[in-house]
Amino acid sequence: MAKKSWIARNEKRKAVAAKYAEKRKALKEAGDYEALQKLPRNASPVRVRNRCSLTGRGRGFVGKFGVSRIKFRELALKGELPGVKKASW
């Protein structure tokens, strides 16, 4: 389980990035990079980290399912992910 502070910080970044999304888009289209630099650093969507929705783990994220590789395997083996089965050949 990731630290609660890391998860909270990432949620805050998501909120700030969503808040400034339209303004960033307008400034980029206008080519006003000086005004773009004056926006908060966390307004950039690049700073948002993909995290597991169950554990908050930051690495090994499986984007299609929104969970880490560890939880993905657990859920798949339990049969809780529809359309996913263990490969064999």
PDB file of N, CA and C in Angstrom:
ATOM      1  N   MET A   1       0.844  -1.181   0.000  1.00  0.00           N
ATOM      2  CA  MET A   1       0.000   0.000   0.000  1.00  0.00           C
ATOM      3  C   MET A   1       0.889   1.243   0.000  1.00  0.00           C
ATOM      4  N   ALA A   2       0.615   2.137  -0.916  1.00  0.00           N
ATOM      5  CA  ALA A   2       1.380   3.383  -0.990  1.00  0.00           C
ATOM      6  C   ALA A   2       1.025   4.282   0.191  1.00  0.00           C
ATOM      7  N   LYS A   3       1.934   5.196   0.496  1.00  0.00           N
ATOM      8  CA  LYS A   3       1.670   6.132   1.580  1.00  0.00           C
ATOM      9  C   LYS A   3       0.461   6.997   1.231  1.00  0.00           C
ATOM     10  N   LYS A   4      -0.335   7.281   2.219  1.00  0.00           N
ATOM     11  CA  LYS A   4      -1.540   8.093   2.013  1.00  0.00           C
ATOM     12  C   LYS A   4      -1.190   9.472   1.474  1.00  0.00           C
ATOM     13  N   SER A   5      -0.033   9.999   1.886  1.00  0.00           N
ATOM     14  CA  SER A   5       0.367  11.335   1.430  1.00  0.00           C
ATOM     15  C   SER A   5       0.663  11.346  -0.067  1.00  0.00           C
ATOM     16  N   TRP A   6       1.227  10.248  -0.595  1.00  0.00           N
ATOM     17  CA  TRP A   6       1.517  10.181  -2.032  1.00  0.00           C
ATOM     18  C   TRP A   6       0.226  10.129  -2.838  1.00  0.00           C
ATOM     19  N   ILE A   7      -0.721   9.353  -2.324  1.00  0.00           N
ATOM     20  CA  ILE A   7      -2.011   9.233  -3.012  1.00  0.00           C
ATOM     21  C   ILE A   7      -2.742  10.566  -2.978  1.00  0.00           C
ATOM     22  N   ALA A   8      -2.728  11.226  -1.828  1.00  0.00           N
ATOM     23  CA  ALA A   8      -3.399  12.523  -1.686  1.00  0.00           C
ATOM     24  C   ALA A   8      -2.749  13.578  -2.578  1.00  0.00           C
ATOM     25  N   ARG A   9      -1.437  13.576  -2.646  1.00  0.00           N
ATOM     26  CA  ARG A   9      -0.711  14.532  -3.488  1.00  0.00           C
ATOM     27  C   ARG A   9      -1.072  14.335  -4.957  1.00  0.00           C
ATOM     28  N   ASN A  10      -1.182  13.078  -5.364  1.00  0.00           N
ATOM     29  CA  ASN A  10      -1.535  12.785  -6.752  1.00  0.00           C
ATOM     30  C   ASN A  10      -2.966  13.222  -7.060  1.00  0.00           C
ATOM     31  N   GLU A  11      -3.876  13.040  -6.107  1.00  0.00           N
ATOM     32  CA  GLU A  11      -5.265  13.486  -6.303  1.00  0.00           C
ATOM     33  C   GLU A  11      -5.328  15.005  -6.433  1.00  0.00           C
ATOM     34  N   LYS A  12      -4.512  15.686  -5.660  1.00  0.00           N
ATOM     35  CA  LYS A  12      -4.451  17.142  -5.727  1.00  0.00           C
ATOM     36  C   LYS A  12      -3.941  17.581  -7.100  1.00  0.00           C
ATOM     37  N   ARG A  13      -2.928  16.879  -7.608  1.00  0.00           N
ATOM     38  CA  ARG A  13      -2.396  17.186  -8.936  1.00  0.00           C
ATOM     39  C   ARG A  13      -3.450  16.967 -10.019  1.00  0.00           C
ATOM     40  N   LYS A  14      -4.241  15.906  -9.885  1.00  0.00           N
ATOM     41  CA  LYS A  14      -5.311  15.655 -10.856  1.00  0.00           C
ATOM     42  C   LYS A  14      -6.306  16.804 -10.874  1.00  0.00           C
ATOM     43  N   ALA A  15      -6.654  17.294  -9.693  1.00  0.00           N
ATOM     44  CA  ALA A  15      -7.620  18.382  -9.589  1.00  0.00           C
ATOM     45  C   ALA A  15      -7.075  19.670 -10.203  1.00  0.00           C
ATOM     46  N   VAL A  16      -5.818  19.989  -9.932  1.00  0.00           N
ATOM     47  CA  VAL A  16      -5.211  21.213 -10.471  1.00  0.00           C
ATOM     48  C   VAL A  16      -5.069  21.111 -11.986  1.00  0.00           C
ATOM     49  N   ALA A  17      -4.681  19.944 -12.483  1.00  0.00           N
ATOM     50  CA  ALA A  17      -4.536  19.756 -13.928  1.00  0.00           C
ATOM     51  C   ALA A  17      -5.883  19.896 -14.629  1.00  0.00           C
ATOM     52  N   ALA A  18      -6.933  19.370 -14.026  1.00  0.00           N
ATOM     53  CA  ALA A  18      -8.268  19.491 -14.619  1.00  0.00           C
ATOM     54  C   ALA A  18      -8.750  20.938 -14.601  1.00  0.00           C
ATOM     55  N   LYS A  19      -8.428  21.648 -13.531  1.00  0.00           N
ATOM     56  CA  LYS A  19      -8.852  23.039 -13.382  1.00  0.00           C
ATOM     57  C   LYS A  19      -8.240  23.933 -14.463  1.00  0.00           C
ATOM     58  N   TYR A  20      -6.971  23.714 -14.777  1.00  0.00           N
ATOM     59  CA  TYR A  20      -6.260  24.575 -15.718  1.00  0.00           C
ATOM     60  C   TYR A  20      -6.195  24.015 -17.144  1.00  0.00           C
ATOM     61  N   ALA A  21      -6.887  22.920 -17.435  1.00  0.00           N
ATOM     62  CA  ALA A  21      -6.779  22.271 -18.742  1.00  0.00           C
ATOM     63  C   ALA A  21      -7.180  23.207 -19.885  1.00  0.00           C
ATOM     64  N   GLU A  22      -8.310  23.878 -19.757  1.00  0.00           N
ATOM     65  CA  GLU A  22      -8.775  24.773 -20.825  1.00  0.00           C
ATOM     66  C   GLU A  22      -7.833  25.962 -20.996  1.00  0.00           C
ATOM     67  N   LYS A  23      -7.392  26.523 -19.895  1.00  0.00           N
ATOM     68  CA  LYS A  23      -6.490  27.682 -19.960  1.00  0.00           C
ATOM     69  C   LYS A  23      -5.164  27.302 -20.612  1.00  0.00           C
ATOM     70  N   ARG A  24      -4.627  26.126 -20.253  1.00  0.00           N
ATOM     71  CA  ARG A  24      -3.381  25.649 -20.857  1.00  0.00           C
ATOM     72  C   ARG A  24      -3.544  25.444 -22.358  1.00  0.00           C
ATOM     73  N   LYS A  25      -4.669  24.872 -22.742  1.00  0.00           N
ATOM     74  CA  LYS A  25      -4.916  24.621 -24.160  1.00  0.00           C
ATOM     75  C   LYS A  25      -4.961  25.923 -24.945  1.00  0.00           C
ATOM     76  N   ALA A  26      -5.654  26.931 -24.390  1.00  0.00           N
ATOM     77  CA  ALA A  26      -5.759  28.229 -25.065  1.00  0.00           C
ATOM     78  C   ALA A  26      -4.395  28.906 -25.173  1.00  0.00           C
ATOM     79  N   LEU A  27      -3.609  28.857 -24.114  1.00  0.00           N
ATOM     80  CA  LEU A  27      -2.287  29.481 -24.137  1.00  0.00           C
ATOM     81  C   LEU A  27      -1.341  28.780 -25.102  1.00  0.00           C
ATOM     82  N   LYS A  28      -1.437  27.469 -25.197  1.00  0.00           N
ATOM     83  CA  LYS A  28      -0.590  26.724 -26.137  1.00  0.00           C
ATOM     84  C   LYS A  28      -0.949  27.042 -27.573  1.00  0.00           C
ATOM     85  N   GLU A  29      -2.254  27.138 -27.868  1.00  0.00           N
ATOM     86  CA  GLU A  29      -2.682  27.469 -29.232  1.00  0.00           C
ATOM     87  C   GLU A  29      -2.258  28.886 -29.609  1.00  0.00           C
ATOM     88  N   ALA A  30      -2.255  29.799 -28.636  1.00  0.00           N
ATOM     89  CA  ALA A  30      -1.854  31.178 -28.891  1.00  0.00           C
ATOM     90  C   ALA A  30      -0.333  31.313 -28.962  1.00  0.00           C
ATOM     91  N   GLY A  31       0.389  30.320 -28.454  1.00  0.00           N
ATOM     92  CA  GLY A  31       1.848  30.372 -28.463  1.00  0.00           C
ATOM     93  C   GLY A  31       2.411  31.260 -27.373  1.00  0.00           C
ATOM     94  N   ASP A  32       1.638  31.526 -26.340  1.00  0.00           N
ATOM     95  CA  ASP A  32       2.066  32.391 -25.236  1.00  0.00           C
ATOM     96  C   ASP A  32       2.736  31.541 -24.158  1.00  0.00           C
ATOM     97  N   TYR A  33       4.001  31.210 -24.385  1.00  0.00           N
ATOM     98  CA  TYR A  33       4.703  30.302 -23.483  1.00  0.00           C
ATOM     99  C   TYR A  33       5.134  30.979 -22.184  1.00  0.00           C
ATOM    100  N   GLU A  34       5.267  32.299 -22.196  1.00  0.00           N
ATOM    101  CA  GLU A  34       5.613  33.001 -20.955  1.00  0.00           C
ATOM    102  C   GLU A  34       4.457  32.931 -19.958  1.00  0.00           C
ATOM    103  N   ALA A  35       3.238  33.120 -20.445  1.00  0.00           N
ATOM    104  CA  ALA A  35       2.065  33.016 -19.565  1.00  0.00           C
ATOM    105  C   ALA A  35       1.861  31.564 -19.123  1.00  0.00           C
ATOM    106  N   LEU A  36       2.224  30.641 -19.989  1.00  0.00           N
ATOM    107  CA  LEU A  36       2.095  29.219 -19.667  1.00  0.00           C
ATOM    108  C   LEU A  36       3.028  28.851 -18.511  1.00  0.00           C
ATOM    109  N   GLN A  37       4.208  29.455 -18.480  1.00  0.00           N
ATOM    110  CA  GLN A  37       5.157  29.169 -17.411  1.00  0.00           C
ATOM    111  C   GLN A  37       4.719  29.756 -16.076  1.00  0.00           C
ATOM    112  N   LYS A  38       3.856  30.756 -16.117  1.00  0.00           N
ATOM    113  CA  LYS A  38       3.399  31.381 -14.877  1.00  0.00           C
ATOM    114  C   LYS A  38       2.274  30.600 -14.198  1.00  0.00           C
ATOM    115  N   LEU A  39       1.722  29.615 -14.899  1.00  0.00           N
ATOM    116  CA  LEU A  39       0.709  28.753 -14.285  1.00  0.00           C
ATOM    117  C   LEU A  39       1.379  27.879 -13.226  1.00  0.00           C
ATOM    118  N   PRO A  40       0.607  27.325 -12.298  1.00  0.00           N
ATOM    119  CA  PRO A  40       1.201  26.427 -11.297  1.00  0.00           C
ATOM    120  C   PRO A  40       1.869  25.222 -11.951  1.00  0.00           C
ATOM    121  N   ARG A  41       2.913  24.758 -11.337  1.00  0.00           N
ATOM    122  CA  ARG A  41       3.666  23.626 -11.885  1.00  0.00           C
ATOM    123  C   ARG A  41       2.790  22.382 -12.002  1.00  0.00           C
ATOM    124  N   ASN A  42       1.911  22.181 -11.036  1.00  0.00           N
ATOM    125  CA  ASN A  42       1.050  20.992 -11.057  1.00  0.00           C
ATOM    126  C   ASN A  42      -0.108  21.109 -12.041  1.00  0.00           C
ATOM    127  N   ALA A  43      -0.184  22.219 -12.774  1.00  0.00           N
ATOM    128  CA  ALA A  43      -1.239  22.369 -13.778  1.00  0.00           C
ATOM    129  C   ALA A  43      -0.955  21.514 -15.005  1.00  0.00           C
ATOM    130  N   SER A  44       0.264  21.041 -15.131  1.00  0.00           N
ATOM    131  CA  SER A  44       0.628  20.206 -16.270  1.00  0.00           C
ATOM    132  C   SER A  44       0.146  18.775 -16.044  1.00  0.00           C
ATOM    133  N   PRO A  45      -0.546  18.195 -17.014  1.00  0.00           N
ATOM    134  CA  PRO A  45      -1.045  16.821 -16.833  1.00  0.00           C
ATOM    135  C   PRO A  45       0.067  15.773 -16.804  1.00  0.00           C
ATOM    136  N   VAL A  46       1.264  16.134 -17.225  1.00  0.00           N
ATOM    137  CA  VAL A  46       2.387  15.206 -17.221  1.00  0.00           C
ATOM    138  C   VAL A  46       2.797  14.846 -15.796  1.00  0.00           C
ATOM    139  N   ARG A  47       2.530  15.735 -14.843  1.00  0.00           N
ATOM    140  CA  ARG A  47       2.930  15.504 -13.458  1.00  0.00           C
ATOM    141  C   ARG A  47       2.009  14.546 -12.717  1.00  0.00           C
ATOM    142  N   VAL A  48       0.874  14.195 -13.311  1.00  0.00           N
ATOM    143  CA  VAL A  48      -0.054  13.248 -12.682  1.00  0.00           C
ATOM    144  C   VAL A  48       0.473  11.835 -12.915  1.00  0.00           C
ATOM    145  N   ARG A  49       0.535  11.062 -11.858  1.00  0.00           N
ATOM    146  CA  ARG A  49       1.080   9.707 -11.911  1.00  0.00           C
ATOM    147  C   ARG A  49      -0.069   8.699 -11.988  1.00  0.00           C
ATOM    148  N   ASN A  50       0.068   7.709 -12.873  1.00  0.00           N
ATOM    149  CA  ASN A  50      -0.903   6.624 -12.915  1.00  0.00           C
ATOM    150  C   ASN A  50      -0.675   5.739 -11.691  1.00  0.00           C
ATOM    151  N   ARG A  51      -1.722   5.544 -10.901  1.00  0.00           N
ATOM    152  CA  ARG A  51      -1.615   4.726  -9.700  1.00  0.00           C
ATOM    153  C   ARG A  51      -2.723   3.684  -9.666  1.00  0.00           C
ATOM    154  N   CYS A  52      -2.446   2.571  -9.013  1.00  0.00           N
ATOM    155  CA  CYS A  52      -3.421   1.502  -8.826  1.00  0.00           C
ATOM    156  C   CYS A  52      -4.602   2.044  -8.022  1.00  0.00           C
ATOM    157  N   SER A  53      -5.800   1.747  -8.479  1.00  0.00           N
ATOM    158  CA  SER A  53      -6.987   2.247  -7.791  1.00  0.00           C
ATOM    159  C   SER A  53      -7.243   1.510  -6.478  1.00  0.00           C
ATOM    160  N   LEU A  54      -6.662   0.334  -6.304  1.00  0.00           N
ATOM    161  CA  LEU A  54      -6.880  -0.443  -5.086  1.00  0.00           C
ATOM    162  C   LEU A  54      -5.799  -0.214  -4.038  1.00  0.00           C
ATOM    163  N   THR A  55      -4.529  -0.160  -4.463  1.00  0.00           N
ATOM    164  CA  THR A  55      -3.433  -0.068  -3.507  1.00  0.00           C
ATOM    165  C   THR A  55      -2.683   1.251  -3.566  1.00  0.00           C
ATOM    166  N   GLY A  56      -2.768   1.968  -4.666  1.00  0.00           N
ATOM    167  CA  GLY A  56      -2.033   3.215  -4.815  1.00  0.00           C
ATOM    168  C   GLY A  56      -0.627   3.019  -5.345  1.00  0.00           C
ATOM    169  N   ARG A  57      -0.289   1.799  -5.711  1.00  0.00           N
ATOM    170  CA  ARG A  57       1.049   1.506  -6.236  1.00  0.00           C
ATOM    171  C   ARG A  57       1.301   2.295  -7.520  1.00  0.00           C
ATOM    172  N   GLY A  58       2.485   2.903  -7.625  1.00  0.00           N
ATOM    173  CA  GLY A  58       2.802   3.767  -8.750  1.00  0.00           C
ATOM    174  C   GLY A  58       3.480   3.063  -9.915  1.00  0.00           C
ATOM    175  N   ARG A  59       4.068   1.915  -9.674  1.00  0.00           N
ATOM    176  CA  ARG A  59       4.766   1.201 -10.745  1.00  0.00           C
ATOM    177  C   ARG A  59       3.988  -0.044 -11.131  1.00  0.00           C
ATOM    178  N   GLY A  60       4.207  -0.490 -12.357  1.00  0.00           N
ATOM    179  CA  GLY A  60       3.541  -1.698 -12.829  1.00  0.00           C
ATOM    180  C   GLY A  60       2.055  -1.494 -13.021  1.00  0.00           C
ATOM    181  N   PHE A  61       1.667  -0.337 -13.542  1.00  0.00           N
ATOM    182  CA  PHE A  61       0.259   0.022 -13.712  1.00  0.00           C
ATOM    183  C   PHE A  61      -0.263  -0.552 -15.022  1.00  0.00           C
ATOM    184  N   VAL A  62      -1.378  -1.267 -14.974  1.00  0.00           N
ATOM    185  CA  VAL A  62      -2.028  -1.804 -16.165  1.00  0.00           C
ATOM    186  C   VAL A  62      -3.184  -0.859 -16.491  1.00  0.00           C
ATOM    187  N   GLY A  63      -2.994  -0.025 -17.487  1.00  0.00           N
ATOM    188  CA  GLY A  63      -3.913   1.076 -17.770  1.00  0.00           C
ATOM    189  C   GLY A  63      -5.322   0.668 -18.134  1.00  0.00           C
ATOM    190  N   LYS A  64      -5.475  -0.419 -18.876  1.00  0.00           N
ATOM    191  CA  LYS A  64      -6.805  -0.836 -19.318  1.00  0.00           C
ATOM    192  C   LYS A  64      -7.717  -1.196 -18.145  1.00  0.00           C
ATOM    193  N   PHE A  65      -7.121  -1.667 -17.064  1.00  0.00           N
ATOM    194  CA  PHE A  65      -7.906  -2.095 -15.909  1.00  0.00           C
ATOM    195  C   PHE A  65      -7.767  -1.162 -14.710  1.00  0.00           C
ATOM    196  N   GLY A  66      -6.783  -0.276 -14.729  1.00  0.00           N
ATOM    197  CA  GLY A  66      -6.626   0.703 -13.658  1.00  0.00           C
ATOM    198  C   GLY A  66      -6.053   0.156 -12.366  1.00  0.00           C
ATOM    199  N   VAL A  67      -5.361  -0.980 -12.450  1.00  0.00           N
ATOM    200  CA  VAL A  67      -4.767  -1.579 -11.265  1.00  0.00           C
ATOM    201  C   VAL A  67      -3.309  -1.925 -11.540  1.00  0.00           C
ATOM    202  N   SER A  68      -2.560  -2.254 -10.488  1.00  0.00           N
ATOM    203  CA  SER A  68      -1.164  -2.645 -10.650  1.00  0.00           C
ATOM    204  C   SER A  68      -1.091  -4.086 -11.150  1.00  0.00           C
ATOM    205  N   ARG A  69       0.090  -4.468 -11.587  1.00  0.00           N
ATOM    206  CA  ARG A  69       0.290  -5.816 -12.134  1.00  0.00           C
ATOM    207  C   ARG A  69       0.003  -6.890 -11.085  1.00  0.00           C
ATOM    208  N   ILE A  70       0.271  -6.589  -9.832  1.00  0.00           N
ATOM    209  CA  ILE A  70       0.073  -7.564  -8.760  1.00  0.00           C
ATOM    210  C   ILE A  70      -1.419  -7.799  -8.526  1.00  0.00           C
ATOM    211  N   LYS A  71      -2.165  -6.700  -8.395  1.00  0.00           N
ATOM    212  CA  LYS A  71      -3.613  -6.820  -8.187  1.00  0.00           C
ATOM    213  C   LYS A  71      -4.294  -7.369  -9.440  1.00  0.00           C
ATOM    214  N   PHE A  72      -3.761  -7.032 -10.613  1.00  0.00           N
ATOM    215  CA  PHE A  72      -4.313  -7.563 -11.856  1.00  0.00           C
ATOM    216  C   PHE A  72      -4.248  -9.085 -11.857  1.00  0.00           C
ATOM    217  N   ARG A  73      -3.092  -9.610 -11.456  1.00  0.00           N
ATOM    218  CA  ARG A  73      -2.923 -11.062 -11.438  1.00  0.00           C
ATOM    219  C   ARG A  73      -3.853 -11.716 -10.420  1.00  0.00           C
ATOM    220  N   GLU A  74      -3.957 -11.110  -9.249  1.00  0.00           N
ATOM    221  CA  GLU A  74      -4.844 -11.659  -8.217  1.00  0.00           C
ATOM    222  C   GLU A  74      -6.292 -11.679  -8.690  1.00  0.00           C
ATOM    223  N   LEU A  75      -6.748 -10.556  -9.252  1.00  0.00           N
ATOM    224  CA  LEU A  75      -8.132 -10.469  -9.703  1.00  0.00           C
ATOM    225  C   LEU A  75      -8.398 -11.406 -10.877  1.00  0.00           C
ATOM    226  N   ALA A  76      -7.424 -11.538 -11.778  1.00  0.00           N
ATOM    227  CA  ALA A  76      -7.597 -12.411 -12.937  1.00  0.00           C
ATOM    228  C   ALA A  76      -7.684 -13.875 -12.510  1.00  0.00           C
ATOM    229  N   LEU A  77      -6.862 -14.274 -11.551  1.00  0.00           N
ATOM    230  CA  LEU A  77      -6.880 -15.662 -11.102  1.00  0.00           C
ATOM    231  C   LEU A  77      -8.153 -15.992 -10.326  1.00  0.00           C
ATOM    232  N   LYS A  78      -8.729 -14.993  -9.659  1.00  0.00           N
ATOM    233  CA  LYS A  78     -10.007 -15.202  -8.966  1.00  0.00           C
ATOM    234  C   LYS A  78     -11.179 -15.201  -9.934  1.00  0.00           C
ATOM    235  N   GLY A  79     -10.940 -14.719 -11.158  1.00  0.00           N
ATOM    236  CA  GLY A  79     -12.009 -14.648 -12.149  1.00  0.00           C
ATOM    237  C   GLY A  79     -12.861 -13.402 -12.010  1.00  0.00           C
ATOM    238  N   GLU A  80     -12.332 -12.352 -11.387  1.00  0.00           N
ATOM    239  CA  GLU A  80     -13.099 -11.132 -11.170  1.00  0.00           C
ATOM    240  C   GLU A  80     -12.928 -10.105 -12.286  1.00  0.00           C
ATOM    241  N   LEU A  81     -12.066 -10.408 -13.268  1.00  0.00           N
ATOM    242  CA  LEU A  81     -11.900  -9.531 -14.421  1.00  0.00           C
ATOM    243  C   LEU A  81     -12.523 -10.217 -15.640  1.00  0.00           C
ATOM    244  N   PRO A  82     -13.609  -9.684 -16.152  1.00  0.00           N
ATOM    245  CA  PRO A  82     -14.277 -10.344 -17.281  1.00  0.00           C
ATOM    246  C   PRO A  82     -13.409 -10.324 -18.533  1.00  0.00           C
ATOM    247  N   GLY A  83     -13.371 -11.459 -19.214  1.00  0.00           N
ATOM    248  CA  GLY A  83     -12.629 -11.579 -20.459  1.00  0.00           C
ATOM    249  C   GLY A  83     -11.152 -11.842 -20.292  1.00  0.00           C
ATOM    250  N   VAL A  84     -10.690 -12.038 -19.075  1.00  0.00           N
ATOM    251  CA  VAL A  84      -9.264 -12.288 -18.835  1.00  0.00           C
ATOM    252  C   VAL A  84      -9.102 -13.710 -18.343  1.00  0.00           C
ATOM    253  N   LYS A  85      -8.206 -14.462 -19.006  1.00  0.00           N
ATOM    254  CA  LYS A  85      -7.893 -15.791 -18.524  1.00  0.00           C
ATOM    255  C   LYS A  85      -6.405 -16.027 -18.670  1.00  0.00           C
ATOM    256  N   LYS A  86      -5.908 -16.964 -17.922  1.00  0.00           N
ATOM    257  CA  LYS A  86      -4.479 -17.257 -17.936  1.00  0.00           C
ATOM    258  C   LYS A  86      -4.087 -17.889 -19.273  1.00  0.00           C
ATOM    259  N   ALA A  87      -2.999 -17.388 -19.831  1.00  0.00           N
ATOM    260  CA  ALA A  87      -2.537 -17.914 -21.113  1.00  0.00           C
ATOM    261  C   ALA A  87      -1.841 -19.257 -20.897  1.00  0.00           C
ATOM    262  N   SER A  88      -2.022 -20.149 -21.851  1.00  0.00           N
ATOM    263  CA  SER A  88      -1.286 -21.421 -21.822  1.00  0.00           C
ATOM    264  C   SER A  88      -1.037 -21.857 -23.253  1.00  0.00           C
ATOM    265  N   TRP A  89       0.113 -22.444 -23.469  1.00  0.00           N
ATOM    266  CA  TRP A  89       0.443 -22.912 -24.813  1.00  0.00           C
ATOM    267  C   TRP A  89       1.331 -24.133 -24.755  1.00  0.00           C
TER     268      TRP A  89
END
